[in-house]
Amino acid sequence: MLQQKTIDIIKSTVPVLEEHGEAITKKFYELMFANHPELLNIFNHANQKQGRQQKALASAVYAAAKYIDQLEVIVPVVTQIAHKHRSLGIKPEHYPIVGKHLLLAIKEVLQNAATEEIMTAWELAYGVIAEAFIQVEYNLYQHAEGQQGGWKDFREFKVDKIVKESDVITSFYFVPVDEGKIAAFTSGQYISLKLKNIPGETNTHIRQYSLSISPNEEFYRISVKREDSLNNKPAGVVSNYLHNNVNVGDIVEISAPAGEFILAEQAEKPIVLLSGGVGITPMLSMLHHLADKNQETIFIHAAVNGNVHAFKEEVGKIVEQNHSISSYYCYEKPAQLDKENKVYQKEGYITSEWLEDVILDKQSIVYMCGPVPFMQAMYEALLEVGISNENIHFEFFGPAMELKQPHKA
């Protein structure tokens, strides 16, 4: 337990963290990787370069300071991060390293403003916060290993099948090399792939991918979008490696399924699955699950056109066999063949007006996933339609972010 004086000091630093949080976390990663380059084998380099990891950590530190005397308030955030940590292989011995370099970064950025009293308070507070994470992660590790078909850390899987789903998305099917059972998962969860010896890369790369298949199979399937170089954004190292270099029979290491973005039991309310681009992957797994339950479901997907729209046939079969499920597609720039075949219901972008016509029950529970700009636009549109904030659930690919409430006139 922290003394009240320590709590007061930590809370007094909240405005400073709000202003300088990203500068602190940027310096933190610089210092930590310089002193512990082995940790580059765990962290996503692309998220570092894009600044998303720094923003996510700054947000987490800010929330921890703000609620240092009510850590139960941030339990959902802690749990979400803990799932990612467990899937990556973050262990208790990493926390002292993180703490040391976080304190060094605070001191370096704030300089004279980081008094000895403040630094001592933050050292004590970090110990409490770290212990909370370690305990949650311990329970997740225990569950991952102890469940039927479960395992500790990473396990070798063989690529059993590769299927091209669209011009940019390819599915990879994995079965365990040891031919044993695999851990069950809940629709919406993901697995981590550990890839070593990528040509031209010094470090191991770990990436998390949503499972895109029904939870009732004896294999795992992920569906990966090839991230090409675009608008000064470098091509995705791992996605391109998977598309261009991985073949049937190859071996990869995978951690047990993880994640908190899962369906709640809300059978009395309609479910809306809303996705953009490769955000369709967790939605597809959820759709399979809801089809098995005969749950009233509206499946909405946005794509540029039919050439990059994955899983049309798979979703079509599910809809055809389930009268409780309906599907709607929006194409930003439909190709001529799309127009001739009438495979979409909306051209351009999804609007609140269109959603108003599609989502008739405003008590519906919405799950959505896609690029950040898409989700921000959909979040605002859903609120405008009348869907309540607590009924909107979403998943970010990569570090967690916040969707902003629209400004009221």
Protein backbone atom coordinates (compact mmCIF):
# COMPACT_ATOMS: atom_id res chain seq x y z
CA MET A 1 0.00 0.00 0.00
CA LEU A 2 1.22 3.47 -0.84
CA GLN A 3 1.17 6.16 1.81
CA GLN A 4 -1.14 9.11 1.23
CA LYS A 5 1.81 11.48 0.79
CA THR A 6 3.16 9.32 -2.05
CA ILE A 7 -0.29 9.18 -3.66
CA ASP A 8 -0.61 12.96 -3.48
CA ILE A 9 2.80 13.46 -5.11
CA ILE A 10 1.97 11.03 -7.94
CA LYS A 11 -1.36 12.73 -8.57
CA SER A 12 0.37 16.12 -8.65
CA THR A 13 2.42 14.88 -11.62
CA VAL A 14 -0.66 14.05 -13.75
CA PRO A 15 -0.70 17.43 -15.59
CA VAL A 16 3.02 17.07 -16.31
CA LEU A 17 2.51 13.57 -17.69
CA GLU A 18 -0.33 14.80 -19.87
CA GLU A 19 2.00 17.42 -21.36
CA HIS A 20 5.28 15.50 -21.55
CA GLY A 21 4.11 11.86 -21.57
CA GLU A 22 5.11 11.04 -25.13
CA ALA A 23 8.51 12.74 -24.76
CA ILE A 24 9.11 10.60 -21.66
CA THR A 25 8.07 7.33 -23.31
CA LYS A 26 10.09 8.11 -26.44
CA LYS A 27 13.18 8.67 -24.32
CA PHE A 28 12.33 5.56 -22.29
CA TYR A 29 12.44 3.29 -25.35
CA GLU A 30 15.64 4.91 -26.61
CA LEU A 31 17.40 4.30 -23.29
CA MET A 32 16.04 0.80 -22.75
CA PHE A 33 16.88 -0.51 -26.22
CA ALA A 34 20.35 1.05 -26.05
CA ASN A 35 21.08 -0.79 -22.80
CA HIS A 36 19.07 -3.95 -23.55
CA PRO A 37 19.10 -4.55 -27.33
CA GLU A 38 17.85 -8.11 -26.70
CA LEU A 39 14.41 -6.63 -26.01
CA LEU A 40 14.22 -5.63 -29.68
CA ASN A 41 13.36 -9.31 -30.21
CA ILE A 42 10.07 -8.76 -28.37
CA PHE A 43 8.80 -5.28 -29.29
CA ASN A 44 7.18 -4.40 -32.60
CA HIS A 45 9.64 -2.13 -34.45
CA ALA A 46 7.00 -0.77 -36.82
CA ASN A 47 4.87 0.49 -33.91
CA GLN A 48 7.99 2.13 -32.48
CA LYS A 49 8.75 3.94 -35.73
CA GLN A 50 5.15 5.11 -36.13
CA GLY A 51 5.04 6.39 -32.54
CA ARG A 52 2.03 4.26 -31.63
CA GLN A 53 3.83 2.33 -28.91
CA GLN A 54 5.07 5.55 -27.29
CA LYS A 55 1.55 7.00 -27.29
CA ALA A 56 0.06 3.83 -25.85
CA LEU A 57 2.60 3.68 -23.04
CA ALA A 58 2.19 7.39 -22.30
CA SER A 59 -1.56 6.86 -22.02
CA ALA A 60 -1.09 3.89 -19.69
CA VAL A 61 1.36 5.79 -17.45
CA TYR A 62 -0.99 8.77 -17.34
CA ALA A 63 -3.95 6.56 -16.37
CA ALA A 64 -1.89 4.79 -13.69
CA ALA A 65 -0.90 8.13 -12.15
CA LYS A 66 -4.41 9.52 -12.28
CA TYR A 67 -5.91 6.45 -10.61
CA ILE A 68 -2.96 5.43 -8.42
CA ASP A 69 -5.29 5.21 -5.40
CA GLN A 70 -8.01 3.43 -7.43
CA LEU A 71 -6.14 0.98 -9.63
CA GLU A 72 -9.29 -1.09 -9.90
CA VAL A 73 -10.59 1.61 -12.29
CA ILE A 74 -7.94 0.70 -14.84
CA VAL A 75 -8.29 -3.08 -14.48
CA PRO A 76 -9.73 -3.40 -18.04
CA VAL A 77 -6.68 -1.55 -19.43
CA VAL A 78 -4.28 -3.62 -17.32
CA THR A 79 -5.98 -6.84 -18.46
CA GLN A 80 -5.86 -5.86 -22.13
CA ILE A 81 -2.16 -5.02 -21.94
CA ALA A 82 -1.46 -8.13 -19.85
CA HIS A 83 -2.97 -10.34 -22.58
CA LYS A 84 -0.57 -8.80 -25.10
CA HIS A 85 2.35 -9.18 -22.69
CA ARG A 86 1.56 -12.86 -22.10
CA SER A 87 1.29 -13.53 -25.84
CA LEU A 88 4.65 -11.82 -26.42
CA GLY A 89 6.46 -13.54 -23.58
CA ILE A 90 6.92 -10.59 -21.19
CA LYS A 91 8.07 -12.00 -17.84
CA PRO A 92 8.47 -10.64 -14.25
CA GLU A 93 12.22 -10.18 -14.79
CA HIS A 94 11.51 -7.59 -17.47
CA TYR A 95 9.72 -5.24 -15.08
CA PRO A 96 12.78 -3.99 -13.15
CA ILE A 97 14.40 -3.16 -16.50
CA VAL A 98 11.33 -1.20 -17.58
CA GLY A 99 11.09 0.57 -14.23
CA LYS A 100 14.72 1.60 -14.22
CA HIS A 101 14.56 3.15 -17.67
CA LEU A 102 11.15 4.76 -17.13
CA LEU A 103 12.52 6.59 -14.11
CA LEU A 104 15.65 7.58 -16.02
CA ALA A 105 13.44 8.94 -18.83
CA ILE A 106 11.27 10.94 -16.42
CA LYS A 107 14.38 12.47 -14.88
CA GLU A 108 15.98 13.27 -18.23
CA VAL A 109 12.86 14.88 -19.73
CA LEU A 110 11.68 16.79 -16.66
CA GLN A 111 15.21 17.62 -15.46
CA ASN A 112 15.10 19.91 -12.38
CA ALA A 113 11.31 19.54 -12.13
CA ALA A 114 11.86 15.86 -11.29
CA THR A 115 12.79 16.41 -7.67
CA GLU A 116 14.12 13.67 -5.43
CA GLU A 117 10.73 13.54 -3.71
CA ILE A 118 8.93 13.01 -7.02
CA MET A 119 11.39 10.36 -8.19
CA THR A 120 11.10 8.46 -4.91
CA ALA A 121 7.31 8.56 -5.12
CA TRP A 122 7.38 7.27 -8.71
CA GLU A 123 9.76 4.47 -7.77
CA LEU A 124 7.32 3.32 -5.09
CA ALA A 125 4.32 3.75 -7.38
CA TYR A 126 5.96 1.81 -10.20
CA GLY A 127 6.51 -1.10 -7.83
CA VAL A 128 2.78 -1.23 -7.06
CA ILE A 129 1.79 -0.90 -10.74
CA ALA A 130 4.32 -3.54 -11.85
CA GLU A 131 3.08 -5.96 -9.22
CA ALA A 132 -0.48 -5.54 -10.50
CA PHE A 133 0.63 -6.41 -14.04
CA ILE A 134 2.79 -9.33 -12.89
CA GLN A 135 -0.10 -10.87 -10.95
CA VAL A 136 -2.58 -10.58 -13.82
CA GLU A 137 -0.02 -11.96 -16.26
CA TYR A 138 0.84 -14.82 -13.91
CA ASN A 139 -2.81 -15.91 -13.97
CA LEU A 140 -2.89 -15.65 -17.78
CA TYR A 141 0.28 -17.75 -18.11
CA GLN A 142 -1.21 -20.35 -15.77
CA HIS A 143 -4.39 -20.51 -17.83
CA ALA A 144 -2.54 -20.66 -21.17
CA GLU A 145 -0.46 -23.62 -20.02
CA GLY A 146 -3.04 -25.37 -17.85
CA GLN A 147 -5.99 -25.50 -20.26
CA GLN A 148 -6.62 -28.56 -22.40
CA GLY A 149 -4.27 -28.38 -25.38
CA GLY A 150 -2.47 -25.42 -23.80
CA TRP A 151 1.23 -24.72 -23.63
CA LYS A 152 3.80 -22.40 -22.13
CA ASP A 153 5.34 -19.55 -24.13
CA PHE A 154 5.78 -20.54 -27.81
CA ARG A 155 5.08 -23.85 -29.55
CA GLU A 156 6.07 -25.05 -33.02
CA PHE A 157 3.34 -25.17 -35.66
CA LYS A 158 3.49 -26.27 -39.29
CA VAL A 159 1.91 -24.33 -42.13
CA ASP A 160 -0.73 -26.80 -43.32
CA LYS A 161 -2.43 -24.72 -46.02
CA ILE A 162 -2.18 -21.29 -47.66
CA VAL A 163 -5.22 -19.71 -49.33
CA LYS A 164 -5.32 -16.42 -51.24
CA GLU A 165 -8.49 -14.63 -50.10
CA SER A 166 -8.14 -11.42 -52.16
CA ASP A 167 -5.51 -9.41 -54.00
CA VAL A 168 -3.99 -8.36 -50.67
CA ILE A 169 -5.14 -10.88 -48.02
CA THR A 170 -3.89 -14.44 -47.65
CA SER A 171 -4.90 -17.04 -45.06
CA PHE A 172 -2.42 -19.33 -43.32
CA TYR A 173 -3.56 -22.54 -41.62
CA PHE A 174 -1.44 -23.96 -38.79
CA VAL A 175 -1.34 -27.38 -37.13
CA PRO A 176 0.97 -28.34 -34.22
CA VAL A 177 4.21 -30.10 -35.12
CA ASP A 178 3.80 -32.42 -32.12
CA GLU A 179 0.32 -33.41 -33.44
CA GLY A 180 -1.16 -32.81 -30.00
CA LYS A 181 -4.35 -30.97 -29.17
CA ILE A 182 -4.48 -27.19 -29.43
CA ALA A 183 -5.91 -24.68 -26.99
CA ALA A 184 -9.45 -23.50 -27.52
CA PHE A 185 -10.05 -19.82 -28.15
CA THR A 186 -12.88 -17.33 -27.99
CA SER A 187 -13.95 -15.55 -31.18
CA GLY A 188 -12.11 -12.24 -31.43
CA GLN A 189 -8.87 -13.49 -29.86
CA TYR A 190 -5.45 -13.56 -31.53
CA ILE A 191 -2.23 -15.55 -31.59
CA SER A 192 1.37 -14.32 -31.75
CA LEU A 193 3.75 -15.56 -34.45
CA LYS A 194 7.46 -15.53 -33.68
CA LEU A 195 9.52 -15.36 -36.86
CA LYS A 196 13.29 -15.76 -36.86
CA ASN A 197 15.83 -15.41 -39.64
CA ILE A 198 13.81 -13.06 -41.86
CA PRO A 199 16.22 -12.09 -44.67
CA GLY A 200 17.86 -8.74 -43.99
CA GLU A 201 16.55 -8.57 -40.40
CA THR A 202 18.82 -8.79 -37.35
CA ASN A 203 16.13 -9.36 -34.75
CA THR A 204 13.34 -11.83 -34.18
CA HIS A 205 9.93 -10.41 -35.05
CA ILE A 206 6.72 -11.17 -33.15
CA ARG A 207 3.36 -10.18 -34.59
CA GLN A 208 -0.17 -10.70 -33.32
CA TYR A 209 -2.90 -11.78 -35.72
CA SER A 210 -6.60 -12.32 -35.08
CA LEU A 211 -7.88 -15.83 -35.55
CA SER A 212 -10.28 -15.77 -38.49
CA ILE A 213 -11.97 -19.15 -38.17
CA SER A 214 -14.58 -20.84 -35.99
CA PRO A 215 -13.31 -21.71 -32.49
CA ASN A 216 -14.40 -25.33 -33.02
CA GLU A 217 -11.59 -26.43 -35.35
CA GLU A 218 -8.45 -28.48 -34.79
CA PHE A 219 -6.25 -25.89 -36.48
CA TYR A 220 -5.63 -22.16 -36.32
CA ARG A 221 -6.16 -19.77 -39.21
CA ILE A 222 -4.94 -16.23 -39.55
CA SER A 223 -5.58 -13.98 -42.55
CA VAL A 224 -2.85 -11.44 -43.25
CA LYS A 225 -2.95 -8.31 -45.37
CA ARG A 226 0.23 -7.62 -47.32
CA GLU A 227 1.32 -4.16 -46.22
CA ASP A 228 3.01 -2.51 -49.20
CA SER A 229 5.05 0.69 -49.04
CA LEU A 230 2.61 3.59 -49.27
CA ASN A 231 2.78 7.34 -48.59
CA ASN A 232 6.27 7.18 -47.05
CA LYS A 233 5.14 4.28 -44.87
CA PRO A 234 7.58 1.36 -45.23
CA ALA A 235 6.37 -2.03 -46.35
CA GLY A 236 5.43 -4.46 -43.58
CA VAL A 237 8.42 -6.67 -42.82
CA VAL A 238 6.42 -9.59 -41.43
CA SER A 239 3.36 -9.38 -43.68
CA ASN A 240 5.53 -9.35 -46.80
CA TYR A 241 7.66 -12.20 -45.46
CA LEU A 242 4.55 -14.29 -44.85
CA HIS A 243 3.17 -13.55 -48.31
CA ASN A 244 6.42 -13.97 -50.22
CA ASN A 245 8.53 -16.46 -48.31
CA VAL A 246 6.41 -18.78 -46.19
CA ASN A 247 5.29 -22.04 -47.78
CA VAL A 248 3.27 -25.10 -46.84
CA GLY A 249 5.36 -27.28 -44.54
CA ASP A 250 7.32 -24.39 -43.00
CA ILE A 251 7.58 -24.19 -39.20
CA VAL A 252 6.68 -21.12 -37.13
CA GLU A 253 6.42 -20.57 -33.39
CA ILE A 254 3.04 -19.57 -31.96
CA SER A 255 1.85 -18.54 -28.50
CA ALA A 256 -1.51 -19.67 -27.11
CA PRO A 257 -4.59 -17.55 -28.01
CA ALA A 258 -5.04 -14.31 -26.09
CA GLY A 259 -7.16 -11.17 -26.08
CA GLU A 260 -10.09 -9.42 -24.42
CA PHE A 261 -11.99 -8.38 -27.56
CA ILE A 262 -14.60 -11.12 -27.33
CA LEU A 263 -18.34 -11.48 -27.65
CA ALA A 264 -20.39 -10.85 -24.53
CA GLU A 265 -23.39 -13.05 -23.87
CA GLN A 266 -26.17 -10.73 -25.09
CA ALA A 267 -28.54 -13.13 -26.80
CA GLU A 268 -31.57 -10.87 -26.29
CA LYS A 269 -30.02 -8.02 -28.31
CA PRO A 270 -29.06 -8.01 -32.00
CA ILE A 271 -25.34 -8.06 -32.77
CA VAL A 272 -23.71 -5.82 -35.38
CA LEU A 273 -20.30 -6.82 -36.75
CA LEU A 274 -18.74 -3.82 -38.47
CA SER A 275 -15.37 -4.00 -40.23
CA GLY A 276 -13.13 -2.25 -42.70
CA GLY A 277 -10.38 -3.91 -44.76
CA VAL A 278 -8.47 -6.63 -42.93
CA GLY A 279 -10.48 -5.76 -39.80
CA ILE A 280 -12.83 -8.44 -41.10
CA THR A 281 -10.68 -11.17 -39.52
CA PRO A 282 -11.95 -11.14 -35.89
CA MET A 283 -15.45 -10.32 -37.18
CA LEU A 284 -15.42 -13.47 -39.31
CA SER A 285 -14.59 -15.66 -36.32
CA MET A 286 -17.40 -13.96 -34.37
CA LEU A 287 -19.78 -14.53 -37.30
CA HIS A 288 -19.07 -18.28 -37.26
CA HIS A 289 -19.79 -18.38 -33.53
CA LEU A 290 -23.01 -16.37 -33.81
CA ALA A 291 -24.19 -18.55 -36.68
CA ASP A 292 -23.86 -21.62 -34.46
CA LYS A 293 -26.05 -19.86 -31.87
CA ASN A 294 -28.65 -18.60 -34.38
CA GLN A 295 -28.08 -15.11 -32.98
CA GLU A 296 -29.70 -12.19 -34.80
CA THR A 297 -26.69 -10.59 -36.51
CA ILE A 298 -25.95 -7.83 -39.01
CA PHE A 299 -22.61 -8.18 -40.79
CA ILE A 300 -21.32 -4.93 -42.35
CA HIS A 301 -18.04 -4.71 -44.21
CA ALA A 302 -16.31 -1.89 -46.07
CA ALA A 303 -13.65 -2.43 -48.75
CA VAL A 304 -12.19 -0.42 -51.61
CA ASN A 305 -13.64 -2.86 -54.15
CA GLY A 306 -14.28 -6.53 -54.80
CA ASN A 307 -10.65 -7.25 -55.70
CA VAL A 308 -9.52 -6.59 -52.12
CA HIS A 309 -12.68 -7.88 -50.43
CA ALA A 310 -11.83 -11.16 -48.71
CA PHE A 311 -14.23 -13.93 -47.61
CA LYS A 312 -17.23 -12.96 -49.77
CA GLU A 313 -18.03 -16.61 -50.44
CA GLU A 314 -17.48 -17.76 -46.86
CA VAL A 315 -19.73 -15.04 -45.43
CA GLY A 316 -22.25 -15.68 -48.22
CA LYS A 317 -22.59 -19.34 -47.25
CA ILE A 318 -23.11 -18.47 -43.59
CA VAL A 319 -25.80 -15.91 -44.45
CA GLU A 320 -27.50 -18.31 -46.86
CA GLN A 321 -27.73 -20.99 -44.19
CA ASN A 322 -28.88 -18.70 -41.36
CA HIS A 323 -32.06 -16.64 -41.63
CA SER A 324 -31.03 -14.72 -38.49
CA ILE A 325 -27.99 -13.22 -40.26
CA SER A 326 -27.88 -10.48 -42.90
CA SER A 327 -24.87 -8.94 -44.65
CA TYR A 328 -24.18 -5.53 -46.20
CA TYR A 329 -21.15 -4.37 -48.17
CA CYS A 330 -19.88 -0.88 -48.90
CA TYR A 331 -17.31 -0.35 -51.68
CA GLU A 332 -15.41 2.90 -51.79
CA LYS A 333 -14.49 2.59 -55.49
CA PRO A 334 -16.29 -0.41 -56.99
CA ALA A 335 -14.76 -2.00 -60.08
CA GLN A 336 -16.82 -2.46 -63.22
CA LEU A 337 -17.33 -6.15 -62.44
CA ASP A 338 -18.58 -5.24 -58.96
CA LYS A 339 -21.21 -2.99 -60.52
CA GLU A 340 -22.27 -5.64 -63.00
CA ASN A 341 -22.59 -8.34 -60.32
CA LYS A 342 -24.23 -6.00 -57.76
CA VAL A 343 -22.20 -7.44 -54.89
CA TYR A 344 -22.39 -4.32 -52.71
CA GLN A 345 -25.20 -2.20 -51.28
CA LYS A 346 -23.42 1.13 -50.77
CA GLU A 347 -20.89 3.03 -52.84
CA GLY A 348 -18.42 5.47 -51.31
CA TYR A 349 -18.14 5.58 -47.53
CA ILE A 350 -20.41 4.26 -44.78
CA THR A 351 -22.50 7.14 -43.45
CA SER A 352 -24.71 7.57 -40.42
CA GLU A 353 -27.71 7.90 -42.74
CA TRP A 354 -26.99 4.51 -44.29
CA LEU A 355 -26.37 2.90 -40.91
CA GLU A 356 -29.70 4.31 -39.76
CA ASP A 357 -31.41 2.26 -42.49
CA VAL A 358 -29.37 -0.88 -41.83
CA ILE A 359 -29.35 -0.99 -38.00
CA LEU A 360 -33.01 -0.82 -37.10
CA ASP A 361 -32.68 -1.76 -33.41
CA LYS A 362 -30.74 0.98 -31.62
CA GLN A 363 -30.19 -1.35 -28.66
CA SER A 364 -27.88 -3.47 -30.82
CA ILE A 365 -24.43 -4.44 -29.53
CA VAL A 366 -21.73 -3.38 -32.00
CA TYR A 367 -18.29 -4.94 -32.44
CA MET A 368 -15.97 -3.25 -34.91
CA CYS A 369 -12.44 -3.47 -36.22
CA GLY A 370 -10.47 -1.80 -39.00
CA PRO A 371 -8.01 1.00 -39.73
CA VAL A 372 -7.97 3.76 -37.10
CA PRO A 373 -9.55 6.46 -39.34
CA PHE A 374 -12.33 4.02 -40.28
CA MET A 375 -13.11 3.20 -36.67
CA GLN A 376 -13.10 6.85 -35.64
CA ALA A 377 -15.58 7.65 -38.41
CA MET A 378 -17.75 4.63 -37.53
CA TYR A 379 -17.68 5.47 -33.83
CA GLU A 380 -19.01 8.95 -34.52
CA ALA A 381 -21.61 7.62 -36.98
CA LEU A 382 -22.85 4.97 -34.54
CA LEU A 383 -23.28 7.54 -31.77
CA GLU A 384 -25.14 9.78 -34.20
CA VAL A 385 -27.44 6.91 -35.14
CA GLY A 386 -28.31 6.39 -31.49
CA ILE A 387 -26.16 3.42 -30.47
CA SER A 388 -25.05 4.00 -26.88
CA ASN A 389 -21.35 4.30 -26.10
CA GLU A 390 -21.39 1.28 -23.78
CA ASN A 391 -22.75 -0.88 -26.62
CA ILE A 392 -19.82 -0.11 -28.93
CA HIS A 393 -16.81 -2.43 -28.64
CA PHE A 394 -13.70 -2.20 -30.78
CA GLU A 395 -10.25 -3.65 -31.33
CA PHE A 396 -7.10 -1.93 -32.56
CA PHE A 397 -4.47 -3.81 -34.51
CA GLY A 398 -1.35 -2.83 -32.58
CA PRO A 399 -1.09 -0.71 -29.41
CA ALA A 400 -4.38 0.38 -27.86
CA MET A 401 -5.66 3.86 -28.65
CA GLU A 402 -8.74 5.90 -27.83
CA LEU A 403 -11.57 6.87 -30.14
CA LYS A 404 -12.54 10.48 -29.57
CA GLN A 405 -16.04 11.58 -28.75
CA PRO A 406 -17.40 13.93 -31.44
CA HIS A 407 -17.54 17.62 -30.54
CA LYS A 408 -21.03 18.88 -29.87
CA ALA A 409 -22.11 22.15 -31.39
